[in-house]
């Protein structure tokens, strides 16, 4: 049931997809625009969204007639595009920042967005649910710490340090996308 390797892999996938370190500049911009960001509230709501989608996402797919392997293949393509954004420093799609920041866009869609949801269902096709939940909790704790210390982290890493971290996780995410694609496409054909 509990497997360290699955927990580690799922945690790394979610860490790369959520890309909270790469989002530090956006977090700082949001903090400047709206003043205070409720780190705890944003983290808890993001966790609830992710865990809820982990359990209900497959039922929603079944309701509309899509199997988990098809979703995993589609998800691997979304993850691939996210990794390209991270590696190449381009923006394929990004919502504009609204007036409030703790829930929207921070908890959703920045932390628990389309890429995260897709990743969760893709992970569910390969890993045990309990290991994915532990990975979600680990990531939410990390997200909370980053949200609380984003200004200090920006000072320590600097712009180039954040860019290096973002590119490294982009490459990791790309490799994960390829793995998800190859392991699920065979079951569809």
N, C-alpha and C. Protein backbone atom coordinates (compact mmCIF):
# COMPACT_ATOMS: atom_id res chain seq x y z
N UNK A 1 0.84 -1.19 0.00
CA UNK A 1 0.00 0.00 0.00
C UNK A 1 0.88 1.26 0.00
N UNK A 2 1.56 1.55 1.10
CA UNK A 2 2.43 2.71 1.15
C UNK A 2 3.79 2.32 0.57
N UNK A 3 4.16 2.98 -0.52
CA UNK A 3 5.44 2.70 -1.16
C UNK A 3 6.21 4.00 -1.29
N UNK A 4 7.40 4.01 -0.71
CA UNK A 4 8.22 5.23 -0.72
C UNK A 4 8.50 5.70 -2.14
N UNK A 5 8.79 4.76 -3.05
CA UNK A 5 9.11 5.11 -4.43
C UNK A 5 7.93 5.81 -5.12
N UNK A 6 6.71 5.29 -4.89
CA UNK A 6 5.52 5.91 -5.48
C UNK A 6 5.28 7.29 -4.88
N UNK A 7 5.43 7.41 -3.57
CA UNK A 7 5.24 8.70 -2.90
C UNK A 7 6.24 9.72 -3.44
N UNK A 8 7.50 9.32 -3.57
CA UNK A 8 8.54 10.21 -4.09
C UNK A 8 8.24 10.61 -5.53
N UNK A 9 7.91 9.63 -6.37
CA UNK A 9 7.62 9.94 -7.78
C UNK A 9 6.42 10.87 -7.91
N UNK A 10 5.33 10.55 -7.21
CA UNK A 10 4.13 11.38 -7.27
C UNK A 10 4.41 12.78 -6.73
N UNK A 11 5.21 12.86 -5.66
CA UNK A 11 5.56 14.17 -5.09
C UNK A 11 6.35 15.01 -6.09
N UNK A 12 7.30 14.38 -6.78
CA UNK A 12 8.10 15.10 -7.77
C UNK A 12 7.25 15.56 -8.95
N UNK A 13 6.32 14.71 -9.40
CA UNK A 13 5.43 15.10 -10.49
C UNK A 13 4.62 16.32 -10.08
N UNK A 14 4.00 16.25 -8.92
CA UNK A 14 3.17 17.38 -8.45
C UNK A 14 4.02 18.62 -8.20
N UNK A 15 5.21 18.44 -7.65
CA UNK A 15 6.09 19.58 -7.40
C UNK A 15 6.43 20.28 -8.72
N UNK A 16 6.73 19.49 -9.73
CA UNK A 16 7.08 20.07 -11.03
C UNK A 16 5.88 20.73 -11.70
N UNK A 17 4.70 20.10 -11.61
CA UNK A 17 3.50 20.66 -12.24
C UNK A 17 3.03 21.93 -11.52
N UNK A 18 2.99 21.87 -10.20
CA UNK A 18 2.56 23.04 -9.43
C UNK A 18 3.56 24.18 -9.63
N UNK A 19 4.84 23.83 -9.69
CA UNK A 19 5.92 24.80 -9.97
C UNK A 19 5.83 26.03 -9.08
N UNK A 20 5.69 25.80 -7.78
CA UNK A 20 5.54 26.91 -6.85
C UNK A 20 6.81 27.76 -6.77
N UNK A 21 7.98 27.14 -6.92
CA UNK A 21 9.22 27.92 -6.90
C UNK A 21 9.29 28.82 -8.13
N UNK A 22 8.92 28.28 -9.30
CA UNK A 22 8.90 29.09 -10.51
C UNK A 22 7.83 30.17 -10.49
N UNK A 23 6.84 30.00 -9.61
CA UNK A 23 5.76 30.98 -9.49
C UNK A 23 6.05 32.09 -8.49
N UNK A 24 7.21 32.04 -7.85
CA UNK A 24 7.54 33.07 -6.85
C UNK A 24 7.42 34.49 -7.41
N UNK A 25 7.91 34.77 -8.62
CA UNK A 25 7.72 36.13 -9.15
C UNK A 25 6.23 36.52 -9.25
N UNK A 26 5.37 35.58 -9.67
CA UNK A 26 3.94 35.86 -9.75
C UNK A 26 3.35 36.06 -8.36
N UNK A 27 3.78 35.24 -7.40
CA UNK A 27 3.30 35.37 -6.01
C UNK A 27 3.66 36.74 -5.45
N UNK A 28 4.88 37.19 -5.72
CA UNK A 28 5.32 38.50 -5.23
C UNK A 28 4.52 39.61 -5.90
N UNK A 29 4.26 39.47 -7.20
CA UNK A 29 3.45 40.45 -7.92
C UNK A 29 2.04 40.50 -7.35
N UNK A 30 1.44 39.33 -7.08
CA UNK A 30 0.10 39.28 -6.49
C UNK A 30 0.10 39.92 -5.11
N UNK A 31 1.14 39.64 -4.32
CA UNK A 31 1.23 40.20 -2.97
C UNK A 31 1.31 41.73 -3.04
N UNK A 32 2.06 42.26 -4.02
CA UNK A 32 2.17 43.71 -4.18
C UNK A 32 0.84 44.32 -4.60
N UNK A 33 0.08 43.61 -5.47
CA UNK A 33 -1.19 44.14 -5.97
C UNK A 33 -2.30 44.13 -4.92
N UNK A 34 -2.40 43.02 -4.17
CA UNK A 34 -3.54 42.87 -3.25
C UNK A 34 -3.16 43.03 -1.79
N UNK A 35 -1.88 43.21 -1.50
CA UNK A 35 -1.44 43.37 -0.12
C UNK A 35 -1.10 42.06 0.51
N UNK A 36 -2.05 41.46 1.24
CA UNK A 36 -1.79 40.23 2.00
C UNK A 36 -2.34 39.01 1.27
N UNK A 37 -1.55 37.94 1.25
CA UNK A 37 -2.02 36.65 0.72
C UNK A 37 -2.18 35.71 1.90
N UNK A 38 -3.35 35.08 2.00
CA UNK A 38 -3.62 34.14 3.09
C UNK A 38 -3.03 32.78 2.70
N UNK A 39 -1.80 32.54 3.09
CA UNK A 39 -1.08 31.33 2.70
C UNK A 39 -1.77 30.06 3.16
N UNK A 40 -2.22 30.05 4.41
CA UNK A 40 -2.89 28.87 4.95
C UNK A 40 -4.18 28.55 4.23
N UNK A 41 -4.99 29.57 4.02
CA UNK A 41 -6.28 29.39 3.34
C UNK A 41 -6.06 28.90 1.90
N UNK A 42 -5.13 29.50 1.20
CA UNK A 42 -4.84 29.10 -0.19
C UNK A 42 -4.36 27.66 -0.23
N UNK A 43 -3.51 27.27 0.70
CA UNK A 43 -2.96 25.91 0.73
C UNK A 43 -4.03 24.87 1.03
N UNK A 44 -4.87 25.14 2.02
CA UNK A 44 -5.92 24.19 2.40
C UNK A 44 -6.93 24.02 1.28
N UNK A 45 -7.35 25.11 0.67
CA UNK A 45 -8.33 25.02 -0.43
C UNK A 45 -7.74 24.27 -1.61
N UNK A 46 -6.48 24.54 -1.94
CA UNK A 46 -5.82 23.81 -3.03
C UNK A 46 -5.77 22.32 -2.73
N UNK A 47 -5.45 21.95 -1.48
CA UNK A 47 -5.40 20.53 -1.09
C UNK A 47 -6.77 19.88 -1.22
N UNK A 48 -7.81 20.57 -0.77
CA UNK A 48 -9.17 20.03 -0.86
C UNK A 48 -9.58 19.84 -2.32
N UNK A 49 -9.25 20.78 -3.17
CA UNK A 49 -9.57 20.67 -4.60
C UNK A 49 -8.86 19.46 -5.19
N UNK A 50 -7.57 19.31 -4.88
CA UNK A 50 -6.80 18.20 -5.44
C UNK A 50 -7.30 16.84 -4.96
N UNK A 51 -7.55 16.72 -3.65
CA UNK A 51 -8.01 15.44 -3.11
C UNK A 51 -9.42 15.13 -3.63
N UNK A 52 -10.26 16.15 -3.69
CA UNK A 52 -11.61 15.95 -4.24
C UNK A 52 -11.57 15.48 -5.69
N UNK A 53 -10.71 16.09 -6.49
CA UNK A 53 -10.61 15.69 -7.89
C UNK A 53 -9.98 14.31 -8.03
N UNK A 54 -9.08 13.97 -7.13
CA UNK A 54 -8.46 12.64 -7.15
C UNK A 54 -9.54 11.55 -7.03
N UNK A 55 -10.54 11.80 -6.16
CA UNK A 55 -11.59 10.81 -5.95
C UNK A 55 -12.75 10.94 -6.93
N UNK A 56 -13.13 12.14 -7.29
CA UNK A 56 -14.29 12.33 -8.15
C UNK A 56 -13.96 12.46 -9.63
N UNK A 57 -12.71 12.75 -9.94
CA UNK A 57 -12.32 12.97 -11.32
C UNK A 57 -12.61 11.79 -12.22
N UNK A 58 -12.32 10.58 -11.75
CA UNK A 58 -12.54 9.38 -12.56
C UNK A 58 -14.04 9.15 -12.79
N UNK A 59 -14.86 9.41 -11.77
CA UNK A 59 -16.31 9.27 -11.93
C UNK A 59 -16.85 10.27 -12.94
N UNK A 60 -16.32 11.47 -12.89
CA UNK A 60 -16.73 12.49 -13.87
C UNK A 60 -16.37 12.03 -15.28
N UNK A 61 -15.16 11.47 -15.42
CA UNK A 61 -14.74 10.95 -16.73
C UNK A 61 -15.64 9.81 -17.18
N UNK A 62 -15.96 8.88 -16.27
CA UNK A 62 -16.84 7.76 -16.62
C UNK A 62 -18.21 8.25 -17.04
N UNK A 63 -18.69 9.29 -16.39
CA UNK A 63 -19.99 9.86 -16.71
C UNK A 63 -20.04 10.36 -18.15
N UNK A 64 -18.91 10.91 -18.62
CA UNK A 64 -18.88 11.41 -20.00
C UNK A 64 -18.24 10.42 -20.97
N UNK A 65 -17.93 9.20 -20.46
CA UNK A 65 -17.48 8.13 -21.33
C UNK A 65 -16.01 8.14 -21.73
N UNK A 66 -15.15 8.65 -20.85
CA UNK A 66 -13.71 8.67 -21.14
C UNK A 66 -13.00 7.78 -20.12
N UNK A 67 -12.16 6.86 -20.60
CA UNK A 67 -11.44 5.99 -19.66
C UNK A 67 -10.18 6.69 -19.15
N UNK A 68 -9.66 6.17 -18.04
CA UNK A 68 -8.53 6.80 -17.35
C UNK A 68 -7.26 6.80 -18.21
N UNK A 69 -7.07 5.75 -19.03
CA UNK A 69 -5.89 5.71 -19.88
C UNK A 69 -5.92 6.80 -20.96
N UNK A 70 -7.10 7.06 -21.53
CA UNK A 70 -7.23 8.14 -22.52
C UNK A 70 -6.92 9.48 -21.87
N UNK A 71 -7.45 9.66 -20.66
CA UNK A 71 -7.21 10.90 -19.94
C UNK A 71 -5.73 11.05 -19.59
N UNK A 72 -5.09 9.92 -19.23
CA UNK A 72 -3.67 9.95 -18.89
C UNK A 72 -2.83 10.33 -20.10
N UNK A 73 -3.19 9.82 -21.28
CA UNK A 73 -2.46 10.19 -22.50
C UNK A 73 -2.65 11.68 -22.79
N UNK A 74 -3.91 12.14 -22.71
CA UNK A 74 -4.17 13.57 -22.92
C UNK A 74 -3.44 14.40 -21.87
N UNK A 75 -3.46 13.92 -20.62
CA UNK A 75 -2.76 14.60 -19.53
C UNK A 75 -1.27 14.68 -19.76
N UNK A 76 -0.70 13.61 -20.32
CA UNK A 76 0.74 13.61 -20.58
C UNK A 76 1.10 14.69 -21.59
N UNK A 77 0.20 14.95 -22.54
CA UNK A 77 0.45 16.01 -23.52
C UNK A 77 0.38 17.39 -22.86
N UNK A 78 -0.58 17.58 -21.94
CA UNK A 78 -0.68 18.84 -21.21
C UNK A 78 0.58 19.06 -20.38
N UNK A 79 1.03 17.99 -19.71
CA UNK A 79 2.23 18.07 -18.89
C UNK A 79 3.45 18.38 -19.76
N UNK A 80 3.49 17.79 -20.97
CA UNK A 80 4.57 18.07 -21.91
C UNK A 80 4.60 19.57 -22.26
N UNK A 81 3.44 20.15 -22.52
CA UNK A 81 3.39 21.58 -22.86
C UNK A 81 3.80 22.45 -21.67
N UNK A 82 3.39 22.04 -20.45
CA UNK A 82 3.82 22.77 -19.25
C UNK A 82 5.33 22.72 -19.12
N UNK A 83 5.92 21.55 -19.39
CA UNK A 83 7.38 21.43 -19.30
C UNK A 83 8.06 22.30 -20.35
N UNK A 84 7.48 22.39 -21.53
CA UNK A 84 8.05 23.26 -22.57
C UNK A 84 8.03 24.72 -22.14
N UNK A 85 6.91 25.13 -21.49
CA UNK A 85 6.85 26.49 -20.96
C UNK A 85 7.99 26.75 -19.99
N UNK A 86 8.23 25.78 -19.10
CA UNK A 86 9.25 25.94 -18.07
C UNK A 86 10.65 25.97 -18.66
N UNK A 87 10.91 25.07 -19.61
CA UNK A 87 12.25 24.95 -20.18
C UNK A 87 12.58 26.12 -21.11
N UNK A 88 11.62 26.47 -21.96
CA UNK A 88 11.87 27.49 -22.98
C UNK A 88 11.57 28.91 -22.51
N UNK A 89 10.94 29.03 -21.34
CA UNK A 89 10.63 30.35 -20.82
C UNK A 89 9.55 31.06 -21.62
N UNK A 90 8.64 30.28 -22.22
CA UNK A 90 7.55 30.86 -22.99
C UNK A 90 6.24 30.67 -22.23
N UNK A 91 5.21 31.39 -22.63
CA UNK A 91 3.91 31.23 -22.03
C UNK A 91 2.94 30.80 -23.11
N UNK A 92 2.46 29.56 -22.99
CA UNK A 92 1.47 29.07 -23.94
C UNK A 92 0.07 29.49 -23.51
N UNK A 93 -0.17 29.48 -22.19
CA UNK A 93 -1.47 29.92 -21.67
C UNK A 93 -1.30 30.35 -20.22
N UNK A 94 -1.84 31.51 -19.89
CA UNK A 94 -1.80 31.98 -18.50
C UNK A 94 -2.97 32.95 -18.30
N UNK A 95 -3.74 32.72 -17.23
CA UNK A 95 -4.82 33.65 -16.88
C UNK A 95 -4.22 34.92 -16.30
N UNK A 96 -4.94 36.02 -16.47
CA UNK A 96 -4.50 37.27 -15.85
C UNK A 96 -4.86 37.27 -14.38
N UNK A 97 -4.10 38.00 -13.59
CA UNK A 97 -4.34 38.05 -12.14
C UNK A 97 -5.55 38.93 -11.83
N UNK A 98 -6.55 38.40 -11.12
CA UNK A 98 -7.72 39.20 -10.76
C UNK A 98 -7.48 40.03 -9.49
N UNK A 99 -8.56 40.59 -8.96
CA UNK A 99 -8.47 41.49 -7.81
C UNK A 99 -8.07 40.78 -6.51
N UNK A 100 -8.61 39.59 -6.26
CA UNK A 100 -8.26 38.85 -5.05
C UNK A 100 -7.29 37.74 -5.42
N UNK A 101 -6.46 37.34 -4.47
CA UNK A 101 -5.39 36.42 -4.84
C UNK A 101 -5.32 35.13 -4.04
N UNK A 102 -5.83 35.07 -2.82
CA UNK A 102 -5.64 33.87 -2.00
C UNK A 102 -6.32 32.63 -2.58
N UNK A 103 -7.55 32.78 -3.05
CA UNK A 103 -8.25 31.64 -3.62
C UNK A 103 -8.02 31.59 -5.13
N UNK A 104 -8.40 32.65 -5.81
CA UNK A 104 -8.19 32.75 -7.26
C UNK A 104 -7.22 33.89 -7.48
N UNK A 105 -6.12 33.72 -8.14
CA UNK A 105 -5.64 32.56 -8.90
C UNK A 105 -4.70 31.66 -8.12
N UNK A 106 -4.49 31.92 -6.82
CA UNK A 106 -3.46 31.16 -6.10
C UNK A 106 -3.85 29.70 -5.87
N UNK A 107 -4.92 29.46 -5.09
CA UNK A 107 -5.34 28.07 -4.82
C UNK A 107 -5.80 27.40 -6.11
N UNK A 108 -6.59 28.13 -6.89
CA UNK A 108 -7.06 27.65 -8.18
C UNK A 108 -7.03 28.81 -9.15
N UNK A 109 -6.39 28.73 -10.27
CA UNK A 109 -5.79 27.56 -10.92
C UNK A 109 -4.27 27.44 -10.77
N UNK A 110 -3.62 28.31 -10.00
CA UNK A 110 -2.16 28.26 -9.97
C UNK A 110 -1.63 27.00 -9.27
N UNK A 111 -2.15 26.65 -8.10
CA UNK A 111 -1.69 25.47 -7.39
C UNK A 111 -2.47 24.24 -7.86
N UNK A 112 -3.78 24.30 -7.78
CA UNK A 112 -4.63 23.18 -8.20
C UNK A 112 -5.30 23.52 -9.52
N UNK A 113 -4.51 23.63 -10.55
CA UNK A 113 -5.03 23.99 -11.86
C UNK A 113 -5.20 22.79 -12.77
N UNK A 114 -5.40 23.07 -14.06
CA UNK A 114 -5.64 22.02 -15.04
C UNK A 114 -4.48 21.03 -15.11
N UNK A 115 -3.26 21.53 -15.08
CA UNK A 115 -2.10 20.64 -15.13
C UNK A 115 -2.04 19.73 -13.92
N UNK A 116 -2.35 20.27 -12.74
CA UNK A 116 -2.34 19.48 -11.52
C UNK A 116 -3.44 18.42 -11.55
N UNK A 117 -4.63 18.81 -11.99
CA UNK A 117 -5.75 17.87 -12.07
C UNK A 117 -5.44 16.74 -13.04
N UNK A 118 -4.91 17.11 -14.20
CA UNK A 118 -4.54 16.12 -15.20
C UNK A 118 -3.49 15.17 -14.64
N UNK A 119 -2.50 15.74 -13.96
CA UNK A 119 -1.44 14.92 -13.37
C UNK A 119 -1.99 13.96 -12.33
N UNK A 120 -2.94 14.42 -11.51
CA UNK A 120 -3.51 13.57 -10.48
C UNK A 120 -4.18 12.33 -11.08
N UNK A 121 -4.97 12.54 -12.13
CA UNK A 121 -5.63 11.40 -12.75
C UNK A 121 -4.64 10.52 -13.49
N UNK A 122 -3.64 11.12 -14.07
CA UNK A 122 -2.59 10.34 -14.74
C UNK A 122 -1.84 9.50 -13.71
N UNK A 123 -1.53 10.09 -12.57
CA UNK A 123 -0.85 9.37 -11.49
C UNK A 123 -1.73 8.24 -10.95
N UNK A 124 -3.02 8.52 -10.88
CA UNK A 124 -3.95 7.51 -10.36
C UNK A 124 -3.98 6.27 -11.24
N UNK A 125 -3.69 6.44 -12.53
CA UNK A 125 -3.64 5.30 -13.44
C UNK A 125 -2.45 4.39 -13.12
N UNK A 126 -1.45 4.91 -12.41
CA UNK A 126 -0.23 4.13 -12.16
C UNK A 126 0.07 3.88 -10.68
N UNK A 127 -0.37 4.77 -9.78
CA UNK A 127 0.01 4.68 -8.37
C UNK A 127 -1.20 4.46 -7.48
N UNK A 128 -0.94 3.96 -6.27
CA UNK A 128 -1.99 3.75 -5.28
C UNK A 128 -2.45 5.11 -4.75
N UNK A 129 -3.76 5.24 -4.52
CA UNK A 129 -4.36 6.52 -4.09
C UNK A 129 -3.75 7.05 -2.80
N UNK A 130 -3.49 6.17 -1.83
CA UNK A 130 -2.93 6.63 -0.55
C UNK A 130 -1.57 7.28 -0.75
N UNK A 131 -0.77 6.75 -1.67
CA UNK A 131 0.54 7.35 -1.95
C UNK A 131 0.40 8.72 -2.61
N UNK A 132 -0.60 8.86 -3.46
CA UNK A 132 -0.85 10.16 -4.12
C UNK A 132 -1.31 11.19 -3.09
N UNK A 133 -2.16 10.77 -2.15
CA UNK A 133 -2.63 11.70 -1.11
C UNK A 133 -1.46 12.19 -0.26
N UNK A 134 -0.56 11.28 0.09
CA UNK A 134 0.64 11.68 0.85
C UNK A 134 1.46 12.68 0.03
N UNK A 135 1.58 12.42 -1.28
CA UNK A 135 2.32 13.33 -2.16
C UNK A 135 1.64 14.70 -2.21
N UNK A 136 0.31 14.72 -2.21
CA UNK A 136 -0.42 16.00 -2.20
C UNK A 136 -0.12 16.75 -0.91
N UNK A 137 -0.19 16.06 0.23
CA UNK A 137 0.07 16.69 1.53
C UNK A 137 1.49 17.24 1.58
N UNK A 138 2.47 16.45 1.13
CA UNK A 138 3.86 16.91 1.10
C UNK A 138 3.99 18.19 0.28
N UNK A 139 3.35 18.20 -0.89
CA UNK A 139 3.42 19.38 -1.76
C UNK A 139 2.71 20.58 -1.16
N UNK A 140 1.58 20.36 -0.50
CA UNK A 140 0.84 21.47 0.11
C UNK A 140 1.65 22.08 1.24
N UNK A 141 2.33 21.26 2.01
CA UNK A 141 3.21 21.78 3.07
C UNK A 141 4.31 22.64 2.44
N UNK A 142 4.89 22.12 1.36
CA UNK A 142 5.95 22.87 0.67
C UNK A 142 5.39 24.18 0.08
N UNK A 143 4.19 24.11 -0.51
CA UNK A 143 3.54 25.30 -1.07
C UNK A 143 3.33 26.34 0.02
N UNK A 144 2.84 25.90 1.18
CA UNK A 144 2.61 26.81 2.30
C UNK A 144 3.90 27.51 2.72
N UNK A 145 4.97 26.73 2.84
CA UNK A 145 6.27 27.30 3.24
C UNK A 145 6.74 28.32 2.20
N UNK A 146 6.60 27.98 0.92
CA UNK A 146 7.01 28.90 -0.15
C UNK A 146 6.18 30.18 -0.11
N UNK A 147 4.86 30.02 0.05
CA UNK A 147 4.00 31.21 0.11
C UNK A 147 4.39 32.12 1.27
N UNK A 148 4.70 31.53 2.41
CA UNK A 148 5.06 32.31 3.59
C UNK A 148 6.42 32.99 3.45
N UNK A 149 7.34 32.37 2.71
CA UNK A 149 8.71 32.87 2.64
C UNK A 149 9.11 33.34 1.24
N UNK A 150 8.14 33.61 0.37
CA UNK A 150 8.44 33.92 -1.04
C UNK A 150 9.36 35.13 -1.21
N UNK A 151 9.17 36.15 -0.42
CA UNK A 151 10.01 37.33 -0.55
C UNK A 151 11.46 37.02 -0.17
N UNK A 152 11.64 36.26 0.91
CA UNK A 152 12.98 35.88 1.34
C UNK A 152 13.65 34.96 0.29
N UNK A 153 12.89 34.02 -0.25
CA UNK A 153 13.44 33.11 -1.26
C UNK A 153 13.87 33.88 -2.50
N UNK A 154 13.09 34.86 -2.89
CA UNK A 154 13.45 35.66 -4.06
C UNK A 154 14.78 36.38 -3.82
N UNK A 155 14.97 36.90 -2.62
CA UNK A 155 16.23 37.57 -2.31
C UNK A 155 17.41 36.60 -2.33
N UNK A 156 17.20 35.39 -1.81
CA UNK A 156 18.29 34.40 -1.72
C UNK A 156 18.66 33.85 -3.10
N UNK A 157 17.67 33.39 -3.86
CA UNK A 157 17.95 32.76 -5.16
C UNK A 157 18.23 33.76 -6.27
N UNK A 158 17.56 34.88 -6.21
CA UNK A 158 17.68 35.85 -7.29
C UNK A 158 16.93 35.35 -8.51
N UNK A 159 16.81 36.20 -9.49
CA UNK A 159 16.05 35.86 -10.69
C UNK A 159 16.67 34.68 -11.44
N UNK A 160 18.00 34.66 -11.56
CA UNK A 160 18.64 33.58 -12.30
C UNK A 160 18.53 32.25 -11.56
N UNK A 161 18.59 32.26 -10.24
CA UNK A 161 18.43 31.04 -9.46
C UNK A 161 17.06 30.43 -9.63
N UNK A 162 16.03 31.27 -9.61
CA UNK A 162 14.66 30.80 -9.81
C UNK A 162 14.51 30.22 -11.22
N UNK A 163 15.12 30.88 -12.21
CA UNK A 163 15.04 30.38 -13.59
C UNK A 163 15.73 29.03 -13.74
N UNK A 164 16.85 28.83 -13.06
CA UNK A 164 17.56 27.54 -13.13
C UNK A 164 16.68 26.44 -12.53
N UNK A 165 16.10 26.68 -11.36
CA UNK A 165 15.23 25.69 -10.71
C UNK A 165 14.06 25.37 -11.62
N UNK A 166 13.48 26.37 -12.21
CA UNK A 166 12.33 26.18 -13.10
C UNK A 166 12.70 25.29 -14.30
N UNK A 167 13.86 25.53 -14.91
CA UNK A 167 14.29 24.75 -16.07
C UNK A 167 14.61 23.30 -15.70
N UNK A 168 15.24 23.10 -14.55
CA UNK A 168 15.55 21.73 -14.10
C UNK A 168 14.25 20.94 -13.92
N UNK A 169 13.27 21.55 -13.24
CA UNK A 169 12.00 20.85 -13.04
C UNK A 169 11.22 20.72 -14.34
N UNK A 170 11.44 21.60 -15.28
CA UNK A 170 10.83 21.46 -16.60
C UNK A 170 11.31 20.20 -17.30
N UNK A 171 12.60 19.93 -17.20
CA UNK A 171 13.18 18.72 -17.82
C UNK A 171 12.65 17.46 -17.12
N UNK A 172 12.58 17.50 -15.79
CA UNK A 172 12.03 16.37 -15.03
C UNK A 172 10.58 16.13 -15.45
N UNK A 173 9.81 17.21 -15.56
CA UNK A 173 8.41 17.12 -15.94
C UNK A 173 8.26 16.55 -17.36
N UNK A 174 9.14 16.93 -18.27
CA UNK A 174 9.09 16.42 -19.63
C UNK A 174 9.33 14.90 -19.64
N UNK A 175 10.30 14.45 -18.87
CA UNK A 175 10.57 13.01 -18.78
C UNK A 175 9.37 12.26 -18.21
N UNK A 176 8.71 12.85 -17.23
CA UNK A 176 7.52 12.23 -16.63
C UNK A 176 6.39 12.17 -17.66
N UNK A 177 6.24 13.23 -18.45
CA UNK A 177 5.21 13.25 -19.49
C UNK A 177 5.43 12.13 -20.51
N UNK A 178 6.67 11.93 -20.91
CA UNK A 178 7.00 10.87 -21.86
C UNK A 178 6.68 9.50 -21.25
N UNK A 179 7.03 9.31 -19.97
CA UNK A 179 6.75 8.04 -19.29
C UNK A 179 5.25 7.78 -19.20
N UNK A 180 4.47 8.80 -18.81
CA UNK A 180 3.02 8.65 -18.72
C UNK A 180 2.42 8.31 -20.09
N UNK A 181 2.92 8.97 -21.13
CA UNK A 181 2.41 8.74 -22.47
C UNK A 181 2.69 7.31 -22.92
N UNK A 182 3.94 6.88 -22.80
CA UNK A 182 4.32 5.55 -23.29
C UNK A 182 3.66 4.43 -22.49
N UNK A 183 3.47 4.62 -21.17
CA UNK A 183 2.86 3.55 -20.37
C UNK A 183 1.36 3.45 -20.58
N UNK A 184 0.71 4.51 -21.03
CA UNK A 184 -0.75 4.48 -21.21
C UNK A 184 -1.18 4.32 -22.67
N UNK A 185 -0.37 4.74 -23.62
CA UNK A 185 -0.75 4.64 -25.02
C UNK A 185 -0.85 3.17 -25.45
N UNK A 186 0.03 2.33 -24.90
CA UNK A 186 0.01 0.91 -25.23
C UNK A 186 -1.30 0.25 -24.83
N UNK A 187 -1.89 0.68 -23.73
CA UNK A 187 -3.15 0.09 -23.27
C UNK A 187 -4.33 0.55 -24.10
N UNK A 188 -4.17 1.64 -24.82
CA UNK A 188 -5.25 2.13 -25.68
C UNK A 188 -5.23 1.47 -27.06
N UNK A 189 -4.02 1.05 -27.49
CA UNK A 189 -3.89 0.48 -28.84
C UNK A 189 -4.08 -0.98 -28.89
